[in-house]
């Protein structure tokens, strides 16, 4: 079974996906997808990550962009390659895949599509608790980052589907992590996944 986990920035979706994969004994795919796509295209990993988080129409104006003759063209190639890499990962067996519009790209495989969200305060608090000791960032800056990253994820998702990212109608299960400990939610989610997939 393939499980895709889409998530709002700061919701704890990545942690939830990793813990769920561990609980089920499934493979877990996240940054490995970015690394493989970058290797196949001979591009900087940060550029590939940027495409997967922002879509193909908005790129850094320094360093990376200066090395590319056409950001949009390379972005489209990245999107196509990432789609194939996702397909290959899904074909390896039971797995949990984080983000990368996997719910849309792999829709023909009928994955269990999970969307993770939380209220603004919980997301800001989670981000603040996980910042590096030497990282000086305010709650307002985090809120601004949340909006930008979620908008980028929405734009990237729109490359593969006309259904809106974050719309509950696009998912099989929406999980609200507001003021919740992620680890405490995982056993119930694993049981749901097994039931959804026809297991015990």
N, C-alpha and C. Protein backbone atom coordinates (compact mmCIF):
# COMPACT_ATOMS: atom_id res chain seq x y z
N UNK A 1 0.85 -1.20 0.00
CA UNK A 1 0.00 0.00 0.00
C UNK A 1 0.89 1.25 0.00
N UNK A 2 0.43 2.26 -0.69
CA UNK A 2 1.12 3.55 -0.73
C UNK A 2 0.32 4.54 0.10
N UNK A 3 1.02 5.23 1.00
CA UNK A 3 0.40 6.28 1.81
C UNK A 3 1.09 7.59 1.49
N UNK A 4 0.33 8.60 1.11
CA UNK A 4 0.90 9.92 0.84
C UNK A 4 0.50 10.86 1.97
N UNK A 5 1.44 11.66 2.41
CA UNK A 5 1.18 12.60 3.50
C UNK A 5 1.46 14.02 3.03
N UNK A 6 0.41 14.78 2.82
CA UNK A 6 0.53 16.21 2.51
C UNK A 6 0.40 16.94 3.83
N UNK A 7 1.04 18.09 3.95
CA UNK A 7 1.00 18.74 5.26
C UNK A 7 1.21 20.23 5.17
N UNK A 8 0.55 20.93 6.10
CA UNK A 8 0.81 22.36 6.26
C UNK A 8 2.15 22.52 6.97
N UNK A 9 2.84 23.59 6.63
CA UNK A 9 4.13 23.85 7.27
C UNK A 9 3.92 24.07 8.76
N UNK A 10 4.68 23.35 9.58
CA UNK A 10 4.58 23.49 11.03
C UNK A 10 3.58 22.56 11.69
N UNK A 11 2.88 21.77 10.89
CA UNK A 11 1.85 20.89 11.45
C UNK A 11 2.41 19.60 12.04
N UNK A 12 3.68 19.31 11.77
CA UNK A 12 4.26 18.06 12.24
C UNK A 12 4.02 16.91 11.28
N UNK A 13 3.63 17.22 10.07
CA UNK A 13 3.31 16.18 9.10
C UNK A 13 4.48 15.27 8.74
N UNK A 14 5.68 15.86 8.67
CA UNK A 14 6.85 15.04 8.34
C UNK A 14 7.13 14.03 9.46
N UNK A 15 7.07 14.49 10.70
CA UNK A 15 7.29 13.58 11.84
C UNK A 15 6.22 12.50 11.86
N UNK A 16 4.97 12.90 11.62
CA UNK A 16 3.88 11.93 11.60
C UNK A 16 4.12 10.86 10.53
N UNK A 17 4.54 11.29 9.35
CA UNK A 17 4.78 10.35 8.26
C UNK A 17 5.90 9.37 8.60
N UNK A 18 6.98 9.89 9.16
CA UNK A 18 8.12 9.03 9.52
C UNK A 18 7.73 8.03 10.60
N UNK A 19 7.03 8.50 11.62
CA UNK A 19 6.61 7.60 12.69
C UNK A 19 5.60 6.56 12.20
N UNK A 20 4.73 6.99 11.28
CA UNK A 20 3.74 6.06 10.73
C UNK A 20 4.43 4.96 9.93
N UNK A 21 5.42 5.35 9.13
CA UNK A 21 6.17 4.36 8.36
C UNK A 21 6.85 3.36 9.29
N UNK A 22 7.45 3.86 10.37
CA UNK A 22 8.11 2.98 11.34
C UNK A 22 7.11 2.03 11.98
N UNK A 23 5.96 2.56 12.35
CA UNK A 23 4.92 1.76 13.02
C UNK A 23 4.42 0.63 12.11
N UNK A 24 4.30 0.94 10.82
CA UNK A 24 3.78 -0.05 9.87
C UNK A 24 4.87 -0.93 9.27
N UNK A 25 6.12 -0.53 9.45
CA UNK A 25 7.21 -1.27 8.83
C UNK A 25 7.32 -1.00 7.34
N UNK A 26 6.89 0.20 6.93
CA UNK A 26 6.91 0.59 5.52
C UNK A 26 8.18 1.39 5.22
N UNK A 27 8.52 1.46 3.94
CA UNK A 27 9.60 2.34 3.51
C UNK A 27 9.12 3.78 3.65
N UNK A 28 10.07 4.68 3.86
CA UNK A 28 9.75 6.09 4.04
C UNK A 28 10.54 6.92 3.04
N UNK A 29 9.83 7.75 2.27
CA UNK A 29 10.48 8.57 1.25
C UNK A 29 10.20 10.04 1.50
N UNK A 30 11.29 10.81 1.52
CA UNK A 30 11.17 12.25 1.73
C UNK A 30 12.27 12.93 0.93
N UNK A 31 13.34 13.36 1.57
CA UNK A 31 14.41 14.06 0.88
C UNK A 31 15.15 13.18 -0.13
N UNK A 32 15.03 11.85 0.04
CA UNK A 32 15.67 10.95 -0.93
C UNK A 32 15.14 11.19 -2.33
N UNK A 33 13.88 11.57 -2.43
CA UNK A 33 13.26 11.84 -3.73
C UNK A 33 13.90 13.06 -4.39
N UNK A 34 14.20 14.06 -3.57
CA UNK A 34 14.84 15.27 -4.06
C UNK A 34 16.26 14.95 -4.53
N UNK A 35 16.98 14.19 -3.72
CA UNK A 35 18.36 13.84 -4.03
C UNK A 35 18.46 13.06 -5.35
N UNK A 36 17.58 12.09 -5.51
CA UNK A 36 17.62 11.27 -6.73
C UNK A 36 17.27 12.09 -7.96
N UNK A 37 16.27 12.96 -7.83
CA UNK A 37 15.87 13.82 -8.95
C UNK A 37 17.01 14.75 -9.34
N UNK A 38 17.68 15.33 -8.34
CA UNK A 38 18.80 16.23 -8.60
C UNK A 38 19.94 15.50 -9.31
N UNK A 39 20.22 14.28 -8.86
CA UNK A 39 21.30 13.50 -9.47
C UNK A 39 20.99 13.18 -10.93
N UNK A 40 19.75 12.78 -11.20
CA UNK A 40 19.37 12.42 -12.57
C UNK A 40 19.40 13.61 -13.51
N UNK A 41 19.12 14.79 -13.00
CA UNK A 41 19.09 15.99 -13.84
C UNK A 41 20.39 16.78 -13.79
N UNK A 42 21.29 16.38 -12.89
CA UNK A 42 22.54 17.11 -12.75
C UNK A 42 22.33 18.52 -12.23
N UNK A 43 21.37 18.67 -11.32
CA UNK A 43 21.05 19.98 -10.78
C UNK A 43 21.35 20.05 -9.29
N UNK A 44 21.44 21.25 -8.79
CA UNK A 44 21.65 21.48 -7.38
C UNK A 44 20.42 21.01 -6.61
N UNK A 45 20.64 20.29 -5.50
CA UNK A 45 19.52 19.78 -4.71
C UNK A 45 18.62 20.91 -4.20
N UNK A 46 19.23 22.05 -3.88
CA UNK A 46 18.43 23.16 -3.37
C UNK A 46 17.48 23.70 -4.43
N UNK A 47 17.89 23.62 -5.69
CA UNK A 47 17.01 24.06 -6.77
C UNK A 47 15.82 23.10 -6.90
N UNK A 48 16.12 21.80 -6.87
CA UNK A 48 15.05 20.80 -6.98
C UNK A 48 14.09 20.93 -5.81
N UNK A 49 14.63 21.13 -4.63
CA UNK A 49 13.78 21.31 -3.45
C UNK A 49 12.91 22.54 -3.61
N UNK A 50 13.48 23.60 -4.17
CA UNK A 50 12.73 24.84 -4.38
C UNK A 50 11.56 24.63 -5.34
N UNK A 51 11.80 23.87 -6.40
CA UNK A 51 10.72 23.59 -7.35
C UNK A 51 9.60 22.82 -6.66
N UNK A 52 9.98 21.80 -5.87
CA UNK A 52 8.99 20.97 -5.19
C UNK A 52 8.22 21.73 -4.11
N UNK A 53 8.78 22.85 -3.65
CA UNK A 53 8.11 23.64 -2.62
C UNK A 53 7.44 24.89 -3.18
N UNK A 54 7.84 25.31 -4.39
CA UNK A 54 7.33 26.57 -4.92
C UNK A 54 6.72 26.49 -6.32
N UNK A 55 6.82 25.34 -6.98
CA UNK A 55 6.33 25.26 -8.35
C UNK A 55 7.40 25.71 -9.33
N UNK A 56 7.05 25.88 -10.59
CA UNK A 56 8.05 26.17 -11.62
C UNK A 56 8.10 27.64 -12.03
N UNK A 57 7.28 28.48 -11.42
CA UNK A 57 7.22 29.86 -11.90
C UNK A 57 7.96 30.85 -11.01
N UNK A 58 8.43 30.41 -9.85
CA UNK A 58 9.12 31.34 -8.95
C UNK A 58 10.43 30.72 -8.49
N UNK A 59 11.54 31.41 -8.76
CA UNK A 59 12.85 30.87 -8.44
C UNK A 59 13.71 31.89 -7.72
N UNK A 60 14.72 31.39 -7.03
CA UNK A 60 15.67 32.28 -6.39
C UNK A 60 16.28 33.20 -7.45
N UNK A 61 16.51 34.43 -7.10
CA UNK A 61 17.06 35.38 -8.08
C UNK A 61 18.59 35.41 -8.05
N UNK A 62 19.19 34.67 -7.14
CA UNK A 62 20.65 34.66 -7.05
C UNK A 62 21.19 33.26 -7.22
N UNK A 63 22.48 33.12 -7.20
CA UNK A 63 23.23 31.87 -7.25
C UNK A 63 22.65 30.83 -8.20
N UNK A 64 21.57 30.17 -7.79
CA UNK A 64 21.02 29.08 -8.59
C UNK A 64 20.53 29.60 -9.94
N UNK A 65 19.70 30.63 -9.90
CA UNK A 65 19.12 31.15 -11.14
C UNK A 65 20.21 31.60 -12.11
N UNK A 66 21.29 32.14 -11.57
CA UNK A 66 22.36 32.63 -12.44
C UNK A 66 23.07 31.50 -13.17
N UNK A 67 22.92 30.27 -12.66
CA UNK A 67 23.57 29.13 -13.29
C UNK A 67 22.66 28.44 -14.31
N UNK A 68 21.43 28.89 -14.40
CA UNK A 68 20.48 28.24 -15.30
C UNK A 68 20.05 29.18 -16.42
N UNK A 69 19.97 28.66 -17.61
CA UNK A 69 19.58 29.50 -18.74
C UNK A 69 18.10 29.79 -18.73
N UNK A 70 17.30 28.87 -18.21
CA UNK A 70 15.87 29.09 -18.14
C UNK A 70 15.30 28.37 -16.93
N UNK A 71 14.98 29.13 -15.88
CA UNK A 71 14.46 28.52 -14.67
C UNK A 71 13.18 27.75 -14.90
N UNK A 72 12.27 28.32 -15.70
CA UNK A 72 10.99 27.67 -15.93
C UNK A 72 11.17 26.34 -16.66
N UNK A 73 12.05 26.33 -17.67
CA UNK A 73 12.29 25.10 -18.42
C UNK A 73 12.86 24.01 -17.51
N UNK A 74 13.88 24.38 -16.73
CA UNK A 74 14.48 23.41 -15.82
C UNK A 74 13.48 22.98 -14.76
N UNK A 75 12.64 23.90 -14.32
CA UNK A 75 11.62 23.56 -13.34
C UNK A 75 10.65 22.53 -13.87
N UNK A 76 10.25 22.67 -15.14
CA UNK A 76 9.34 21.71 -15.75
C UNK A 76 10.01 20.34 -15.87
N UNK A 77 11.29 20.33 -16.20
CA UNK A 77 12.03 19.06 -16.29
C UNK A 77 12.13 18.41 -14.92
N UNK A 78 12.35 19.21 -13.90
CA UNK A 78 12.42 18.69 -12.54
C UNK A 78 11.09 18.06 -12.15
N UNK A 79 10.00 18.75 -12.45
CA UNK A 79 8.67 18.24 -12.11
C UNK A 79 8.42 16.90 -12.79
N UNK A 80 8.81 16.79 -14.06
CA UNK A 80 8.62 15.54 -14.79
C UNK A 80 9.48 14.42 -14.23
N UNK A 81 10.73 14.72 -13.92
CA UNK A 81 11.63 13.71 -13.37
C UNK A 81 11.18 13.27 -11.99
N UNK A 82 10.75 14.23 -11.17
CA UNK A 82 10.28 13.91 -9.83
C UNK A 82 9.06 12.99 -9.89
N UNK A 83 8.20 13.20 -10.88
CA UNK A 83 7.04 12.33 -11.05
C UNK A 83 7.48 10.89 -11.29
N UNK A 84 8.47 10.71 -12.14
CA UNK A 84 8.96 9.37 -12.43
C UNK A 84 9.63 8.74 -11.21
N UNK A 85 10.40 9.55 -10.48
CA UNK A 85 11.06 9.06 -9.28
C UNK A 85 10.02 8.61 -8.25
N UNK A 86 8.94 9.35 -8.14
CA UNK A 86 7.86 8.97 -7.24
C UNK A 86 7.24 7.64 -7.64
N UNK A 87 7.01 7.48 -8.93
CA UNK A 87 6.45 6.23 -9.45
C UNK A 87 7.36 5.05 -9.10
N UNK A 88 8.66 5.23 -9.29
CA UNK A 88 9.62 4.16 -9.00
C UNK A 88 9.61 3.81 -7.52
N UNK A 89 9.54 4.84 -6.67
CA UNK A 89 9.51 4.60 -5.23
C UNK A 89 8.27 3.83 -4.83
N UNK A 90 7.13 4.22 -5.40
CA UNK A 90 5.87 3.57 -5.06
C UNK A 90 5.84 2.11 -5.51
N UNK A 91 6.56 1.82 -6.57
CA UNK A 91 6.57 0.45 -7.11
C UNK A 91 7.48 -0.49 -6.31
N UNK A 92 8.28 0.08 -5.39
CA UNK A 92 9.19 -0.75 -4.60
C UNK A 92 8.47 -1.53 -3.51
N UNK A 93 7.25 -1.12 -3.19
CA UNK A 93 6.50 -1.82 -2.15
C UNK A 93 5.78 -0.86 -1.23
N UNK A 94 5.29 -1.37 -0.11
CA UNK A 94 4.56 -0.54 0.84
C UNK A 94 5.43 0.64 1.29
N UNK A 95 4.85 1.83 1.26
CA UNK A 95 5.66 3.00 1.61
C UNK A 95 4.79 4.18 2.04
N UNK A 96 5.46 5.11 2.71
CA UNK A 96 4.87 6.40 3.08
C UNK A 96 5.68 7.48 2.39
N UNK A 97 5.03 8.34 1.64
CA UNK A 97 5.71 9.39 0.88
C UNK A 97 5.24 10.75 1.38
N UNK A 98 6.20 11.61 1.70
CA UNK A 98 5.88 12.94 2.21
C UNK A 98 5.86 13.97 1.09
N UNK A 99 4.77 14.73 1.00
CA UNK A 99 4.69 15.87 0.09
C UNK A 99 4.92 15.53 -1.36
N UNK A 100 5.56 16.47 -2.09
CA UNK A 100 5.91 16.34 -3.50
C UNK A 100 4.70 16.10 -4.40
N UNK A 101 3.50 16.50 -3.97
CA UNK A 101 2.27 16.29 -4.74
C UNK A 101 2.04 14.82 -5.05
N UNK A 102 2.55 13.95 -4.19
CA UNK A 102 2.44 12.50 -4.43
C UNK A 102 1.00 12.04 -4.50
N UNK A 103 0.11 12.68 -3.72
CA UNK A 103 -1.29 12.28 -3.75
C UNK A 103 -1.90 12.45 -5.15
N UNK A 104 -1.46 13.49 -5.87
CA UNK A 104 -1.96 13.74 -7.22
C UNK A 104 -1.22 12.90 -8.26
N UNK A 105 0.11 12.88 -8.16
CA UNK A 105 0.93 12.16 -9.14
C UNK A 105 0.64 10.67 -9.12
N UNK A 106 0.40 10.13 -7.94
CA UNK A 106 0.18 8.68 -7.80
C UNK A 106 -1.29 8.31 -7.64
N UNK A 107 -2.17 9.20 -8.05
CA UNK A 107 -3.60 8.97 -7.86
C UNK A 107 -4.09 7.68 -8.52
N UNK A 108 -3.44 7.28 -9.62
CA UNK A 108 -3.85 6.06 -10.31
C UNK A 108 -3.56 4.80 -9.49
N UNK A 109 -2.71 4.94 -8.46
CA UNK A 109 -2.39 3.80 -7.59
C UNK A 109 -3.35 3.73 -6.40
N UNK A 110 -4.24 4.68 -6.32
CA UNK A 110 -5.23 4.75 -5.24
C UNK A 110 -4.57 4.70 -3.86
N UNK A 111 -3.66 5.62 -3.60
CA UNK A 111 -2.99 5.63 -2.29
C UNK A 111 -3.94 6.10 -1.18
N UNK A 112 -3.57 5.82 0.05
CA UNK A 112 -4.26 6.42 1.19
C UNK A 112 -3.70 7.82 1.31
N UNK A 113 -4.53 8.82 1.08
CA UNK A 113 -4.09 10.21 1.03
C UNK A 113 -4.42 10.91 2.36
N UNK A 114 -3.38 11.27 3.08
CA UNK A 114 -3.54 11.92 4.37
C UNK A 114 -3.13 13.39 4.26
N UNK A 115 -3.90 14.25 4.89
CA UNK A 115 -3.54 15.67 4.96
C UNK A 115 -3.43 16.06 6.43
N UNK A 116 -2.30 16.66 6.80
CA UNK A 116 -2.04 17.03 8.19
C UNK A 116 -2.09 18.55 8.32
N UNK A 117 -2.86 19.03 9.29
CA UNK A 117 -3.00 20.46 9.48
C UNK A 117 -3.07 20.78 10.98
N UNK A 118 -3.03 22.05 11.30
CA UNK A 118 -3.13 22.48 12.70
C UNK A 118 -3.48 23.95 12.73
N UNK A 119 -3.90 24.43 13.89
CA UNK A 119 -4.20 25.85 14.00
C UNK A 119 -2.88 26.64 14.01
N UNK A 120 -2.98 27.93 13.73
CA UNK A 120 -1.79 28.76 13.58
C UNK A 120 -0.92 28.77 14.83
N UNK A 121 -1.52 28.90 15.99
CA UNK A 121 -0.74 28.96 17.22
C UNK A 121 0.07 27.68 17.42
N UNK A 122 -0.55 26.54 17.19
CA UNK A 122 0.15 25.27 17.37
C UNK A 122 1.31 25.14 16.39
N UNK A 123 1.11 25.59 15.16
CA UNK A 123 2.18 25.51 14.16
C UNK A 123 3.34 26.42 14.52
N UNK A 124 3.03 27.63 14.96
CA UNK A 124 4.09 28.56 15.34
C UNK A 124 4.87 28.02 16.53
N UNK A 125 4.16 27.51 17.53
CA UNK A 125 4.82 26.96 18.72
C UNK A 125 5.71 25.77 18.36
N UNK A 126 5.23 24.93 17.45
CA UNK A 126 6.02 23.77 17.05
C UNK A 126 7.30 24.23 16.33
N UNK A 127 7.17 25.22 15.47
CA UNK A 127 8.35 25.74 14.75
C UNK A 127 9.34 26.39 15.72
N UNK A 128 8.84 27.15 16.67
CA UNK A 128 9.71 27.80 17.64
C UNK A 128 10.46 26.78 18.49
N UNK A 129 9.77 25.69 18.84
CA UNK A 129 10.39 24.67 19.69
C UNK A 129 11.47 23.89 18.96
N UNK A 130 11.41 23.91 17.63
CA UNK A 130 12.36 23.11 16.85
C UNK A 130 13.44 23.95 16.16
N UNK A 131 13.44 25.24 16.41
CA UNK A 131 14.46 26.08 15.79
C UNK A 131 15.82 25.79 16.44
N UNK A 132 16.86 26.07 15.70
CA UNK A 132 18.21 25.88 16.22
C UNK A 132 18.49 26.91 17.31
N UNK A 133 19.38 26.55 18.20
CA UNK A 133 19.68 27.43 19.33
C UNK A 133 20.16 28.81 18.89
N UNK A 134 20.92 28.84 17.80
CA UNK A 134 21.48 30.11 17.33
C UNK A 134 20.59 30.79 16.28
N UNK A 135 19.39 30.26 16.08
CA UNK A 135 18.49 30.83 15.07
C UNK A 135 17.56 31.85 15.73
N UNK A 136 17.69 33.09 15.31
CA UNK A 136 16.85 34.16 15.86
C UNK A 136 15.71 34.42 14.88
N UNK A 137 14.55 33.91 15.21
CA UNK A 137 13.39 34.10 14.34
C UNK A 137 12.15 34.32 15.21
N UNK A 138 11.36 35.29 14.83
CA UNK A 138 10.18 35.65 15.62
C UNK A 138 8.96 34.88 15.17
N UNK A 139 7.92 34.92 15.97
CA UNK A 139 6.66 34.26 15.63
C UNK A 139 6.09 34.85 14.34
N UNK A 140 6.21 36.17 14.18
CA UNK A 140 5.69 36.81 12.97
C UNK A 140 6.44 36.35 11.72
N UNK A 141 7.74 36.17 11.86
CA UNK A 141 8.54 35.69 10.74
C UNK A 141 8.16 34.26 10.38
N UNK A 142 7.86 33.47 11.39
CA UNK A 142 7.43 32.09 11.15
C UNK A 142 6.09 32.07 10.43
N UNK A 143 5.18 32.94 10.86
CA UNK A 143 3.87 33.01 10.21
C UNK A 143 4.02 33.37 8.74
N UNK A 144 4.91 34.30 8.46
CA UNK A 144 5.16 34.71 7.07
C UNK A 144 5.72 33.55 6.27
N UNK A 145 6.64 32.81 6.88
CA UNK A 145 7.23 31.65 6.22
C UNK A 145 6.18 30.57 5.97
N UNK A 146 5.31 30.37 6.93
CA UNK A 146 4.25 29.36 6.78
C UNK A 146 3.38 29.65 5.57
N UNK A 147 2.97 30.91 5.46
CA UNK A 147 2.11 31.30 4.34
C UNK A 147 2.81 31.09 3.00
N UNK A 148 4.08 31.49 2.93
CA UNK A 148 4.83 31.38 1.68
C UNK A 148 5.03 29.92 1.27
N UNK A 149 5.41 29.09 2.23
CA UNK A 149 5.68 27.68 1.92
C UNK A 149 4.40 26.95 1.55
N UNK A 150 3.33 27.20 2.29
CA UNK A 150 2.06 26.54 1.96
C UNK A 150 1.54 26.98 0.60
N UNK A 151 1.74 28.26 0.26
CA UNK A 151 1.33 28.74 -1.07
C UNK A 151 2.16 28.04 -2.14
N UNK A 152 3.45 27.86 -1.88
CA UNK A 152 4.30 27.16 -2.83
C UNK A 152 3.88 25.72 -3.02
N UNK A 153 3.53 25.05 -1.94
CA UNK A 153 3.08 23.66 -2.04
C UNK A 153 1.77 23.58 -2.83
N UNK A 154 0.93 24.55 -2.63
CA UNK A 154 -0.32 24.61 -3.39
C UNK A 154 -0.04 24.79 -4.89
N UNK A 155 0.92 25.67 -5.21
CA UNK A 155 1.27 25.92 -6.61
C UNK A 155 1.87 24.67 -7.26
N UNK A 156 2.75 23.98 -6.53
CA UNK A 156 3.36 22.77 -7.09
C UNK A 156 2.31 21.70 -7.32
N UNK A 157 1.41 21.56 -6.39
CA UNK A 157 0.33 20.57 -6.50
C UNK A 157 -0.53 20.87 -7.73
N UNK A 158 -0.73 22.16 -8.03
CA UNK A 158 -1.56 22.57 -9.16
C UNK A 158 -0.97 22.17 -10.50
N UNK A 159 0.33 21.84 -10.52
CA UNK A 159 0.96 21.38 -11.77
C UNK A 159 0.43 20.01 -12.17
N UNK A 160 -0.09 19.25 -11.20
CA UNK A 160 -0.49 17.87 -11.46
C UNK A 160 -1.96 17.60 -11.24
N UNK A 161 -2.69 18.56 -10.72
CA UNK A 161 -4.11 18.33 -10.45
C UNK A 161 -4.87 19.63 -10.45
N UNK A 162 -6.12 19.58 -10.88
CA UNK A 162 -6.96 20.77 -10.81
C UNK A 162 -7.75 20.80 -9.50
N UNK A 163 -7.50 19.82 -8.65
CA UNK A 163 -8.12 19.80 -7.34
C UNK A 163 -7.22 20.56 -6.37
N UNK A 164 -7.81 21.35 -5.50
CA UNK A 164 -7.06 22.27 -4.65
C UNK A 164 -6.33 21.56 -3.51
N UNK A 165 -5.05 21.87 -3.38
CA UNK A 165 -4.25 21.37 -2.27
C UNK A 165 -4.88 21.81 -0.96
N UNK A 166 -5.04 20.88 -0.03
CA UNK A 166 -5.63 21.22 1.26
C UNK A 166 -7.13 21.07 1.33
N UNK A 167 -7.79 20.88 0.19
CA UNK A 167 -9.24 20.68 0.17
C UNK A 167 -9.55 19.28 0.70
N UNK A 168 -10.36 19.19 1.72
CA UNK A 168 -10.63 17.90 2.35
C UNK A 168 -11.19 16.87 1.37
N UNK A 169 -11.84 17.32 0.31
CA UNK A 169 -12.39 16.40 -0.68
C UNK A 169 -11.31 15.65 -1.45
N UNK A 170 -10.06 16.14 -1.37
CA UNK A 170 -8.95 15.52 -2.10
C UNK A 170 -8.24 14.43 -1.29
N UNK A 171 -8.66 14.24 -0.04
CA UNK A 171 -7.94 13.32 0.84
C UNK A 171 -8.87 12.29 1.46
N UNK A 172 -8.26 11.20 1.91
CA UNK A 172 -9.03 10.13 2.55
C UNK A 172 -9.09 10.33 4.05
N UNK A 173 -8.12 11.06 4.59
CA UNK A 173 -8.08 11.30 6.02
C UNK A 173 -7.38 12.62 6.29
N UNK A 174 -8.02 13.50 7.05
CA UNK A 174 -7.42 14.77 7.46
C UNK A 174 -7.16 14.69 8.96
N UNK A 175 -5.94 15.02 9.35
CA UNK A 175 -5.52 14.89 10.75
C UNK A 175 -5.16 16.25 11.33
N UNK A 176 -5.87 16.64 12.38
CA UNK A 176 -5.62 17.91 13.06
C UNK A 176 -4.66 17.64 14.22
N UNK A 177 -3.45 18.20 14.14
CA UNK A 177 -2.44 17.97 15.17
C UNK A 177 -2.36 19.10 16.19
N UNK A 178 -3.31 20.01 16.18
CA UNK A 178 -3.29 21.16 17.08
C UNK A 178 -3.15 20.70 18.54
N UNK A 179 -2.10 21.22 19.20
CA UNK A 179 -1.86 20.93 20.62
C UNK A 179 -1.78 19.44 20.92
N UNK A 180 -1.38 18.65 19.93
CA UNK A 180 -1.28 17.21 20.13
C UNK A 180 0.17 16.75 20.01
N UNK A 181 0.51 15.69 20.72
CA UNK A 181 1.82 15.06 20.59
C UNK A 181 1.72 14.07 19.44
N UNK A 182 2.56 14.26 18.43
CA UNK A 182 2.48 13.45 17.21
C UNK A 182 2.56 11.96 17.49
N UNK A 183 3.49 11.58 18.34
CA UNK A 183 3.67 10.15 18.64
C UNK A 183 2.43 9.48 19.18
N UNK A 184 1.61 10.24 19.92
CA UNK A 184 0.41 9.67 20.51
C UNK A 184 -0.67 9.37 19.47
N UNK A 185 -0.59 10.03 18.33
CA UNK A 185 -1.60 9.83 17.28
C UNK A 185 -1.30 8.64 16.37
N UNK A 186 -0.03 8.25 16.32
CA UNK A 186 0.41 7.28 15.32
C UNK A 186 -0.23 5.89 15.43
N UNK A 187 -0.34 5.29 16.61
CA UNK A 187 -0.96 3.96 16.68
C UNK A 187 -2.36 3.91 16.07
N UNK A 188 -3.16 4.93 16.36
CA UNK A 188 -4.52 4.96 15.81
C UNK A 188 -4.48 5.14 14.29
N UNK A 189 -3.55 5.96 13.81
CA UNK A 189 -3.42 6.18 12.37
C UNK A 189 -2.96 4.91 11.67
N UNK A 190 -2.06 4.17 12.32
CA UNK A 190 -1.59 2.91 11.74
C UNK A 190 -2.73 1.91 11.65
N UNK A 191 -3.57 1.87 12.69
CA UNK A 191 -4.73 0.96 12.68
C UNK A 191 -5.69 1.37 11.56
N UNK A 192 -5.87 2.67 11.40
CA UNK A 192 -6.75 3.16 10.32
C UNK A 192 -6.19 2.75 8.95
N UNK A 193 -4.88 2.91 8.78
CA UNK A 193 -4.26 2.58 7.50
C UNK A 193 -4.43 1.10 7.18
N UNK A 194 -4.28 0.25 8.19
CA UNK A 194 -4.44 -1.19 7.98
C UNK A 194 -5.88 -1.52 7.60
N UNK A 195 -6.83 -0.87 8.29
CA UNK A 195 -8.24 -1.11 7.97
C UNK A 195 -8.58 -0.59 6.59
N UNK A 196 -8.05 0.57 6.27
CA UNK A 196 -8.32 1.18 4.96
C UNK A 196 -7.77 0.31 3.83
N UNK A 197 -6.62 -0.31 4.10
CA UNK A 197 -6.00 -1.15 3.08
C UNK A 197 -6.53 -2.57 3.06
N UNK A 198 -7.48 -2.87 3.94
CA UNK A 198 -8.08 -4.20 3.94
C UNK A 198 -7.39 -5.19 4.84
N UNK A 199 -6.45 -4.66 5.68
CA UNK A 199 -5.73 -5.55 6.58
C UNK A 199 -6.48 -5.74 7.89
N UNK A 200 -5.77 -6.34 8.84
CA UNK A 200 -6.40 -6.63 10.13
C UNK A 200 -6.62 -5.36 10.94
